[in-house]
Amino acid sequence: MRFAILSDIHGNLEAMTSVMEKCAKLEIDKYIFLGDVVGYNGNPKECMDIVRGLNIAGAVKGNHDEYAANNDDVLASFNPHAKAAVLWTKSQLSLDDRSWLTNLPMRQVVKGTFITIVHATLDSPEAWGYIFDEHHAADNFAYQFTQLCFCGHSHVPVGFCKKSVVAPNAKAIEELKTWTDPIQPDELRDFTVSDSVSIDLQTGCKYLLNVGSIGQPRNKDPRASFAVYDSSAKNVTRFRVPYDIASTQARIREVGLPERLAARLSSGT
């Protein structure tokens, strides 16, 4: 069984379309959604329609989903650009869309799998914290009772492995550098083509994997990032696919969202 793990789409229709085309080629069986289908970009309704039409095995709520669905217009925790996007997004969604977002859980064990999903962190999902290092990963592993946990929220792909048996002087939790960073130096990277990186899952280890963002990457790689878990091969692959950034930027400007939201897409920051 192949599961596509999708996170932080943020209303980016062009990026989502490229990801769906890649998923069709990969013959994905089911989809797992890690939150934030809306926010930042100019096609929240269209992206929601795509996600809701998928064969979804599991789905959780993101912070932009939460605030686009509720009646809080103060948005004290949001910066001005994100706040403007959320307030505009509210006007684009139907009551049924907002109800669907409201009813998404904060965390979930995907039925029939060894996968836990959360947008932010398992220890306090409603606080919308971030996982960037081994210290934060340790807090999350304390609440992870499945071999795999997928998360999003930071828009930065990062992975950690916790070993059940640790050699003397070795660390129990190790960052998976190959999941986070490409092998090639920056000057040799080509953002106009697709590529991927894979990890094989080892018995006796737990894995915490942030799959990156489809709609607004922040790891200096502007391509849409998502992952595929193959339960038969026992591996997880993170794919990076290019998309029509210029059209997404044009849509942001067309609907009057902040210019910063358009500009950052080109650099992946």
C-alpha atoms as a PDB file:
ATOM      1  CA  MET A   1       0.000   0.000   0.000  1.00  0.00           C
ATOM      2  CA  ARG A   2       1.293   3.439  -0.942  1.00  0.00           C
ATOM      3  CA  PHE A   3       0.252   6.437   1.138  1.00  0.00           C
ATOM      4  CA  ALA A   4       0.950  10.001  -0.016  1.00  0.00           C
ATOM      5  CA  ILE A   5       1.610  12.330   2.918  1.00  0.00           C
ATOM      6  CA  LEU A   6       0.481  15.895   2.152  1.00  0.00           C
ATOM      7  CA  SER A   7       1.050  18.950   4.341  1.00  0.00           C
ATOM      8  CA  ASP A   8       0.821  22.732   4.284  1.00  0.00           C
ATOM      9  CA  ILE A   9      -0.854  23.139   0.899  1.00  0.00           C
ATOM     10  CA  HIS A  10      -1.918  26.662   1.846  1.00  0.00           C
ATOM     11  CA  GLY A  11      -4.227  27.343  -1.059  1.00  0.00           C
ATOM     12  CA  ASN A  12      -1.502  26.871  -3.689  1.00  0.00           C
ATOM     13  CA  LEU A  13      -3.422  25.294  -6.557  1.00  0.00           C
ATOM     14  CA  GLU A  14      -0.493  25.082  -8.969  1.00  0.00           C
ATOM     15  CA  ALA A  15       1.700  23.283  -6.441  1.00  0.00           C
ATOM     16  CA  MET A  16      -1.136  20.959  -5.463  1.00  0.00           C
ATOM     17  CA  THR A  17      -1.832  20.159  -9.106  1.00  0.00           C
ATOM     18  CA  SER A  18       1.812  19.195  -9.688  1.00  0.00           C
ATOM     19  CA  VAL A  19       1.755  16.984  -6.605  1.00  0.00           C
ATOM     20  CA  MET A  20      -1.445  15.273  -7.754  1.00  0.00           C
ATOM     21  CA  GLU A  21       0.080  14.602 -11.171  1.00  0.00           C
ATOM     22  CA  LYS A  22       3.108  13.037  -9.486  1.00  0.00           C
ATOM     23  CA  CYS A  23       0.878  10.950  -7.220  1.00  0.00           C
ATOM     24  CA  ALA A  24      -0.997   9.614 -10.251  1.00  0.00           C
ATOM     25  CA  LYS A  25       2.295   8.439 -11.769  1.00  0.00           C
ATOM     26  CA  LEU A  26       3.276   6.835  -8.470  1.00  0.00           C
ATOM     27  CA  GLU A  27      -0.071   4.990  -8.303  1.00  0.00           C
ATOM     28  CA  ILE A  28      -0.901   6.178  -4.792  1.00  0.00           C
ATOM     29  CA  ASP A  29      -3.536   4.108  -2.989  1.00  0.00           C
ATOM     30  CA  LYS A  30      -4.502   6.428  -0.121  1.00  0.00           C
ATOM     31  CA  TYR A  31      -3.739   9.898   1.145  1.00  0.00           C
ATOM     32  CA  ILE A  32      -2.833  11.305   4.548  1.00  0.00           C
ATOM     33  CA  PHE A  33      -3.339  15.015   5.198  1.00  0.00           C
ATOM     34  CA  LEU A  34      -1.304  16.801   7.879  1.00  0.00           C
ATOM     35  CA  GLY A  35      -3.166  20.113   7.954  1.00  0.00           C
ATOM     36  CA  ASP A  36      -3.187  23.660   6.574  1.00  0.00           C
ATOM     37  CA  VAL A  37      -4.952  23.183   3.279  1.00  0.00           C
ATOM     38  CA  VAL A  38      -5.721  26.941   3.391  1.00  0.00           C
ATOM     39  CA  GLY A  39      -3.882  30.192   4.099  1.00  0.00           C
ATOM     40  CA  TYR A  40      -1.254  32.350   2.346  1.00  0.00           C
ATOM     41  CA  ASN A  41      -2.146  31.645  -1.306  1.00  0.00           C
ATOM     42  CA  GLY A  42      -5.044  32.476  -3.576  1.00  0.00           C
ATOM     43  CA  ASN A  43      -6.985  29.251  -4.199  1.00  0.00           C
ATOM     44  CA  PRO A  44      -8.118  27.864  -0.822  1.00  0.00           C
ATOM     45  CA  LYS A  45     -11.502  26.646  -2.037  1.00  0.00           C
ATOM     46  CA  GLU A  46     -10.071  24.787  -5.007  1.00  0.00           C
ATOM     47  CA  CYS A  47      -7.413  23.104  -2.863  1.00  0.00           C
ATOM     48  CA  MET A  48     -10.021  22.101  -0.302  1.00  0.00           C
ATOM     49  CA  ASP A  49     -12.134  20.528  -3.027  1.00  0.00           C
ATOM     50  CA  ILE A  50      -9.154  18.460  -4.174  1.00  0.00           C
ATOM     51  CA  VAL A  51      -8.288  17.262  -0.671  1.00  0.00           C
ATOM     52  CA  ARG A  52     -11.876  16.419   0.211  1.00  0.00           C
ATOM     53  CA  GLY A  53     -12.186  14.385  -2.986  1.00  0.00           C
ATOM     54  CA  LEU A  54      -9.188  12.160  -2.231  1.00  0.00           C
ATOM     55  CA  ASN A  55      -9.236   8.660  -0.768  1.00  0.00           C
ATOM     56  CA  ILE A  56      -8.189   9.911   2.667  1.00  0.00           C
ATOM     57  CA  ALA A  57      -6.881   7.416   5.224  1.00  0.00           C
ATOM     58  CA  GLY A  58      -6.252  10.087   7.865  1.00  0.00           C
ATOM     59  CA  ALA A  59      -6.400  13.853   8.293  1.00  0.00           C
ATOM     60  CA  VAL A  60      -5.625  16.397  11.005  1.00  0.00           C
ATOM     61  CA  LYS A  61      -6.143  20.118  11.496  1.00  0.00           C
ATOM     62  CA  GLY A  62      -3.539  22.840  11.025  1.00  0.00           C
ATOM     63  CA  ASN A  63      -3.465  26.251  12.669  1.00  0.00           C
ATOM     64  CA  HIS A  64      -4.565  28.041   9.492  1.00  0.00           C
ATOM     65  CA  ASP A  65      -7.410  25.536   9.134  1.00  0.00           C
ATOM     66  CA  GLU A  66      -8.401  26.249  12.726  1.00  0.00           C
ATOM     67  CA  TYR A  67      -8.528  30.018  12.331  1.00  0.00           C
ATOM     68  CA  ALA A  68     -10.115  29.984   8.877  1.00  0.00           C
ATOM     69  CA  ALA A  69     -12.937  27.901  10.330  1.00  0.00           C
ATOM     70  CA  ASN A  70     -13.601  29.686  13.640  1.00  0.00           C
ATOM     71  CA  ASN A  71     -14.955  33.138  14.485  1.00  0.00           C
ATOM     72  CA  ASP A  72     -11.718  34.644  15.782  1.00  0.00           C
ATOM     73  CA  ASP A  73     -10.891  37.695  13.658  1.00  0.00           C
ATOM     74  CA  VAL A  74      -8.280  39.080  16.080  1.00  0.00           C
ATOM     75  CA  LEU A  75      -5.680  36.384  15.279  1.00  0.00           C
ATOM     76  CA  ALA A  76      -3.271  37.602  17.936  1.00  0.00           C
ATOM     77  CA  SER A  77      -0.696  34.885  17.207  1.00  0.00           C
ATOM     78  CA  PHE A  78      -0.477  35.638  13.470  1.00  0.00           C
ATOM     79  CA  ASN A  79       1.837  38.082  11.718  1.00  0.00           C
ATOM     80  CA  PRO A  80       0.101  40.728   9.560  1.00  0.00           C
ATOM     81  CA  HIS A  81       0.662  38.864   6.271  1.00  0.00           C
ATOM     82  CA  ALA A  82      -0.690  35.571   7.606  1.00  0.00           C
ATOM     83  CA  LYS A  83      -3.605  37.383   9.265  1.00  0.00           C
ATOM     84  CA  ALA A  84      -4.578  39.096   6.012  1.00  0.00           C
ATOM     85  CA  ALA A  85      -4.555  35.746   4.236  1.00  0.00           C
ATOM     86  CA  VAL A  86      -6.693  34.030   6.889  1.00  0.00           C
ATOM     87  CA  LEU A  87      -9.290  36.809   6.916  1.00  0.00           C
ATOM     88  CA  TRP A  88      -9.525  36.737   3.112  1.00  0.00           C
ATOM     89  CA  THR A  89      -9.671  32.927   3.115  1.00  0.00           C
ATOM     90  CA  LYS A  90     -12.695  32.962   5.432  1.00  0.00           C
ATOM     91  CA  SER A  91     -14.634  34.842   2.767  1.00  0.00           C
ATOM     92  CA  GLN A  92     -13.824  32.172   0.174  1.00  0.00           C
ATOM     93  CA  LEU A  93     -15.030  29.109   2.082  1.00  0.00           C
ATOM     94  CA  SER A  94     -18.546  27.765   2.384  1.00  0.00           C
ATOM     95  CA  LEU A  95     -20.111  26.896   5.721  1.00  0.00           C
ATOM     96  CA  ASP A  96     -19.676  23.247   4.791  1.00  0.00           C
ATOM     97  CA  ASP A  97     -15.961  23.799   4.132  1.00  0.00           C
ATOM     98  CA  ARG A  98     -15.507  25.507   7.473  1.00  0.00           C
ATOM     99  CA  SER A  99     -17.437  22.745   9.227  1.00  0.00           C
ATOM    100  CA  TRP A 100     -15.168  20.116   7.653  1.00  0.00           C
ATOM    101  CA  LEU A 101     -12.088  21.962   8.908  1.00  0.00           C
ATOM    102  CA  THR A 102     -13.585  22.435  12.374  1.00  0.00           C
ATOM    103  CA  ASN A 103     -14.225  18.716  12.753  1.00  0.00           C
ATOM    104  CA  LEU A 104     -10.705  17.597  11.889  1.00  0.00           C
ATOM    105  CA  PRO A 105      -8.858  16.147  14.924  1.00  0.00           C
ATOM    106  CA  MET A 106      -5.615  17.586  16.268  1.00  0.00           C
ATOM    107  CA  ARG A 107      -3.814  14.235  16.152  1.00  0.00           C
ATOM    108  CA  GLN A 108      -4.703  10.788  14.924  1.00  0.00           C
ATOM    109  CA  VAL A 109      -3.478   7.222  14.623  1.00  0.00           C
ATOM    110  CA  VAL A 110      -4.271   6.193  11.055  1.00  0.00           C
ATOM    111  CA  LYS A 111      -6.557   3.167  11.148  1.00  0.00           C
ATOM    112  CA  GLY A 112      -4.941  -0.086  10.056  1.00  0.00           C
ATOM    113  CA  THR A 113      -1.400   1.343  10.102  1.00  0.00           C
ATOM    114  CA  PHE A 114       1.505   2.038  12.426  1.00  0.00           C
ATOM    115  CA  ILE A 115       1.285   5.776  11.672  1.00  0.00           C
ATOM    116  CA  THR A 116       0.480   8.700  13.949  1.00  0.00           C
ATOM    117  CA  ILE A 117      -0.166  12.105  12.388  1.00  0.00           C
ATOM    118  CA  VAL A 118      -0.184  15.632  13.791  1.00  0.00           C
ATOM    119  CA  HIS A 119       0.238  19.093  12.314  1.00  0.00           C
ATOM    120  CA  ALA A 120       2.538  20.474  15.008  1.00  0.00           C
ATOM    121  CA  THR A 121       3.597  18.313  17.992  1.00  0.00           C
ATOM    122  CA  LEU A 122       2.111  15.282  19.715  1.00  0.00           C
ATOM    123  CA  ASP A 123       2.822  16.535  23.227  1.00  0.00           C
ATOM    124  CA  SER A 124       0.735  19.708  22.814  1.00  0.00           C
ATOM    125  CA  PRO A 125      -0.824  19.879  19.339  1.00  0.00           C
ATOM    126  CA  GLU A 126      -3.110  22.793  20.203  1.00  0.00           C
ATOM    127  CA  ALA A 127      -0.121  25.006  21.128  1.00  0.00           C
ATOM    128  CA  TRP A 128       1.159  24.885  17.521  1.00  0.00           C
ATOM    129  CA  GLY A 129       4.788  24.339  18.523  1.00  0.00           C
ATOM    130  CA  TYR A 130       7.612  23.434  16.164  1.00  0.00           C
ATOM    131  CA  ILE A 131      10.052  20.521  15.919  1.00  0.00           C
ATOM    132  CA  PHE A 132      13.468  21.665  14.729  1.00  0.00           C
ATOM    133  CA  ASP A 133      16.010  19.695  16.767  1.00  0.00           C
ATOM    134  CA  GLU A 134      16.620  16.543  18.773  1.00  0.00           C
ATOM    135  CA  HIS A 135      15.366  18.159  21.990  1.00  0.00           C
ATOM    136  CA  HIS A 136      11.975  18.917  20.447  1.00  0.00           C
ATOM    137  CA  ALA A 137      11.940  15.463  18.837  1.00  0.00           C
ATOM    138  CA  ALA A 138      12.469  13.831  22.237  1.00  0.00           C
ATOM    139  CA  ASP A 139       9.342  15.528  23.596  1.00  0.00           C
ATOM    140  CA  ASN A 140       7.370  14.237  20.627  1.00  0.00           C
ATOM    141  CA  PHE A 141       8.733  10.677  20.855  1.00  0.00           C
ATOM    142  CA  ALA A 142       7.490  10.516  24.459  1.00  0.00           C
ATOM    143  CA  TYR A 143       3.944  10.619  23.074  1.00  0.00           C
ATOM    144  CA  GLN A 144       4.566   8.497  19.965  1.00  0.00           C
ATOM    145  CA  PHE A 145       3.440   4.881  20.293  1.00  0.00           C
ATOM    146  CA  THR A 146       3.686   3.902  16.632  1.00  0.00           C
ATOM    147  CA  GLN A 147       6.770   3.344  14.508  1.00  0.00           C
ATOM    148  CA  LEU A 148       6.017   6.336  12.303  1.00  0.00           C
ATOM    149  CA  CYS A 149       4.875   9.861  13.031  1.00  0.00           C
ATOM    150  CA  PHE A 150       4.387  12.437  10.288  1.00  0.00           C
ATOM    151  CA  CYS A 151       4.109  16.154  11.005  1.00  0.00           C
ATOM    152  CA  GLY A 152       4.249  19.512   9.231  1.00  0.00           C
ATOM    153  CA  HIS A 153       3.742  23.139  10.348  1.00  0.00           C
ATOM    154  CA  SER A 154       7.317  24.448  10.074  1.00  0.00           C
ATOM    155  CA  HIS A 155       7.426  24.102   6.257  1.00  0.00           C
ATOM    156  CA  VAL A 156      10.953  22.717   6.746  1.00  0.00           C
ATOM    157  CA  PRO A 157      11.504  18.980   6.170  1.00  0.00           C
ATOM    158  CA  VAL A 158      13.379  17.346   9.005  1.00  0.00           C
ATOM    159  CA  GLY A 159      13.587  13.764  10.246  1.00  0.00           C
ATOM    160  CA  PHE A 160      14.590  11.948  13.418  1.00  0.00           C
ATOM    161  CA  CYS A 161      15.123   8.314  14.379  1.00  0.00           C
ATOM    162  CA  LYS A 162      14.852   6.953  17.912  1.00  0.00           C
ATOM    163  CA  LYS A 163      16.575   3.624  18.503  1.00  0.00           C
ATOM    164  CA  SER A 164      15.329   1.121  21.069  1.00  0.00           C
ATOM    165  CA  VAL A 165      18.816  -0.344  21.561  1.00  0.00           C
ATOM    166  CA  VAL A 166      21.650   2.166  21.867  1.00  0.00           C
ATOM    167  CA  ALA A 167      25.354   1.400  21.808  1.00  0.00           C
ATOM    168  CA  PRO A 168      27.562   2.871  24.567  1.00  0.00           C
ATOM    169  CA  ASN A 169      28.256   6.582  24.033  1.00  0.00           C
ATOM    170  CA  ALA A 170      25.751   6.717  21.155  1.00  0.00           C
ATOM    171  CA  LYS A 171      22.726   8.993  21.019  1.00  0.00           C
ATOM    172  CA  ALA A 172      19.264   7.453  21.290  1.00  0.00           C
ATOM    173  CA  ILE A 173      17.790  10.091  18.956  1.00  0.00           C
ATOM    174  CA  GLU A 174      19.530  10.871  15.697  1.00  0.00           C
ATOM    175  CA  GLU A 175      18.691  13.480  13.082  1.00  0.00           C
ATOM    176  CA  LEU A 176      18.314  12.012   9.593  1.00  0.00           C
ATOM    177  CA  LYS A 177      20.410  14.473   7.613  1.00  0.00           C
ATOM    178  CA  THR A 178      19.670  12.881   4.255  1.00  0.00           C
ATOM    179  CA  TRP A 179      15.955  13.494   4.792  1.00  0.00           C
ATOM    180  CA  THR A 180      16.526  17.168   5.526  1.00  0.00           C
ATOM    181  CA  ASP A 181      19.230  18.183   3.063  1.00  0.00           C
ATOM    182  CA  PRO A 182      20.037  17.300  -0.541  1.00  0.00           C
ATOM    183  CA  ILE A 183      23.342  15.627  -1.260  1.00  0.00           C
ATOM    184  CA  GLN A 184      24.313  18.188  -3.887  1.00  0.00           C
ATOM    185  CA  PRO A 185      25.707  21.604  -2.920  1.00  0.00           C
ATOM    186  CA  ASP A 186      23.429  24.561  -3.592  1.00  0.00           C
ATOM    187  CA  GLU A 187      25.168  25.608  -6.789  1.00  0.00           C
ATOM    188  CA  LEU A 188      24.510  22.206  -8.391  1.00  0.00           C
ATOM    189  CA  ARG A 189      20.831  21.936  -7.500  1.00  0.00           C
ATOM    190  CA  ASP A 190      18.245  22.201 -10.253  1.00  0.00           C
ATOM    191  CA  PHE A 191      14.856  23.364  -8.997  1.00  0.00           C
ATOM    192  CA  THR A 192      13.254  22.886 -12.437  1.00  0.00           C
ATOM    193  CA  VAL A 193      13.255  19.076 -12.156  1.00  0.00           C
ATOM    194  CA  SER A 194      11.811  16.568  -9.703  1.00  0.00           C
ATOM    195  CA  ASP A 195      13.968  14.552  -7.353  1.00  0.00           C
ATOM    196  CA  SER A 196      13.580  12.473  -4.215  1.00  0.00           C
ATOM    197  CA  VAL A 197      15.297  11.065  -1.142  1.00  0.00           C
ATOM    198  CA  SER A 198      14.366   7.819   0.629  1.00  0.00           C
ATOM    199  CA  ILE A 199      14.898   6.191   4.001  1.00  0.00           C
ATOM    200  CA  ASP A 200      14.444   2.511   4.813  1.00  0.00           C
ATOM    201  CA  LEU A 201      12.594   1.812   8.047  1.00  0.00           C
ATOM    202  CA  GLN A 202      14.500  -0.386  10.482  1.00  0.00           C
ATOM    203  CA  THR A 203      12.912  -2.743  12.986  1.00  0.00           C
ATOM    204  CA  GLY A 204      13.248  -1.449  16.538  1.00  0.00           C
ATOM    205  CA  CYS A 205      13.357   2.198  15.517  1.00  0.00           C
ATOM    206  CA  LYS A 206      10.790   4.959  15.672  1.00  0.00           C
ATOM    207  CA  TYR A 207      10.700   7.713  13.080  1.00  0.00           C
ATOM    208  CA  LEU A 208       9.478  11.292  13.260  1.00  0.00           C
ATOM    209  CA  LEU A 209       9.300  12.881   9.811  1.00  0.00           C
ATOM    210  CA  ASN A 210       8.320  16.399   8.818  1.00  0.00           C
ATOM    211  CA  VAL A 211       7.423  16.114   5.127  1.00  0.00           C
ATOM    212  CA  GLY A 212       7.872  19.804   4.290  1.00  0.00           C
ATOM    213  CA  SER A 213       5.354  22.050   2.573  1.00  0.00           C
ATOM    214  CA  ILE A 214       3.518  21.752  -0.721  1.00  0.00           C
ATOM    215  CA  GLY A 215       2.318  25.335  -0.905  1.00  0.00           C
ATOM    216  CA  GLN A 216       4.958  27.499   0.791  1.00  0.00           C
ATOM    217  CA  PRO A 217       8.368  25.828   1.310  1.00  0.00           C
ATOM    218  CA  ARG A 218      10.770  27.559   3.700  1.00  0.00           C
ATOM    219  CA  ASN A 219      13.903  25.441   3.299  1.00  0.00           C
ATOM    220  CA  LYS A 220      15.373  27.435   0.374  1.00  0.00           C
ATOM    221  CA  ASP A 221      13.949  24.881  -2.076  1.00  0.00           C
ATOM    222  CA  PRO A 222      10.909  26.386  -3.830  1.00  0.00           C
ATOM    223  CA  ARG A 223       9.605  23.056  -5.105  1.00  0.00           C
ATOM    224  CA  ALA A 224       6.525  21.422  -3.581  1.00  0.00           C
ATOM    225  CA  SER A 225       7.525  18.805  -1.021  1.00  0.00           C
ATOM    226  CA  PHE A 226       5.542  15.733   0.022  1.00  0.00           C
ATOM    227  CA  ALA A 227       6.232  12.127   1.031  1.00  0.00           C
ATOM    228  CA  VAL A 228       5.147   8.613   0.152  1.00  0.00           C
ATOM    229  CA  TYR A 229       5.108   5.739   2.636  1.00  0.00           C
ATOM    230  CA  ASP A 230       5.263   2.281   1.028  1.00  0.00           C
ATOM    231  CA  SER A 231       4.081  -0.243   3.601  1.00  0.00           C
ATOM    232  CA  SER A 232       5.260  -3.209   1.518  1.00  0.00           C
ATOM    233  CA  ALA A 233       8.757  -1.897   0.823  1.00  0.00           C
ATOM    234  CA  LYS A 234       8.956  -0.451   4.351  1.00  0.00           C
ATOM    235  CA  ASN A 235      10.388   2.861   3.221  1.00  0.00           C
ATOM    236  CA  VAL A 236       9.449   6.523   3.056  1.00  0.00           C
ATOM    237  CA  THR A 237      10.390   8.757   0.121  1.00  0.00           C
ATOM    238  CA  ARG A 238      10.257  12.549   0.086  1.00  0.00           C
ATOM    239  CA  PHE A 239       9.570  13.992  -3.348  1.00  0.00           C
ATOM    240  CA  ARG A 240      10.305  17.530  -4.507  1.00  0.00           C
ATOM    241  CA  VAL A 241       8.396  18.632  -7.597  1.00  0.00           C
ATOM    242  CA  PRO A 242       8.503  21.940  -9.510  1.00  0.00           C
ATOM    243  CA  TYR A 243       5.340  23.868 -10.260  1.00  0.00           C
ATOM    244  CA  ASP A 244       4.201  27.070 -11.978  1.00  0.00           C
ATOM    245  CA  ILE A 245       5.281  29.555  -9.309  1.00  0.00           C
ATOM    246  CA  ALA A 246       4.577  32.579 -11.524  1.00  0.00           C
ATOM    247  CA  SER A 247       0.888  31.672 -11.813  1.00  0.00           C
ATOM    248  CA  THR A 248       0.581  31.266  -8.044  1.00  0.00           C
ATOM    249  CA  GLN A 249       2.217  34.651  -7.558  1.00  0.00           C
ATOM    250  CA  ALA A 250      -0.098  36.241 -10.105  1.00  0.00           C
ATOM    251  CA  ARG A 251      -3.135  34.869  -8.289  1.00  0.00           C
ATOM    252  CA  ILE A 252      -1.889  36.242  -4.937  1.00  0.00           C
ATOM    253  CA  ARG A 253      -1.572  39.696  -6.483  1.00  0.00           C
ATOM    254  CA  GLU A 254      -4.889  39.401  -8.296  1.00  0.00           C
ATOM    255  CA  VAL A 255      -6.853  38.868  -5.077  1.00  0.00           C
ATOM    256  CA  GLY A 256      -4.943  41.565  -3.192  1.00  0.00           C
ATOM    257  CA  LEU A 257      -2.982  39.481  -0.708  1.00  0.00           C
ATOM    258  CA  PRO A 258       0.354  40.875   0.633  1.00  0.00           C
ATOM    259  CA  GLU A 259       3.217  41.013  -1.877  1.00  0.00           C
ATOM    260  CA  ARG A 260       5.528  39.259   0.587  1.00  0.00           C
ATOM    261  CA  LEU A 261       3.442  36.100   0.179  1.00  0.00           C
ATOM    262  CA  ALA A 262       4.091  36.120  -3.550  1.00  0.00           C
ATOM    263  CA  ALA A 263       7.766  37.068  -3.417  1.00  0.00           C
ATOM    264  CA  ARG A 264       8.836  34.380  -0.942  1.00  0.00           C
ATOM    265  CA  LEU A 265       7.675  31.524  -3.188  1.00  0.00           C
ATOM    266  CA  SER A 266      10.509  32.081  -5.687  1.00  0.00           C
ATOM    267  CA  SER A 267      13.218  31.567  -3.063  1.00  0.00           C
ATOM    268  CA  GLY A 268      11.528  28.975  -0.899  1.00  0.00           C
ATOM    269  CA  THR A 269      11.823  31.109   2.203  1.00  0.00           C
END
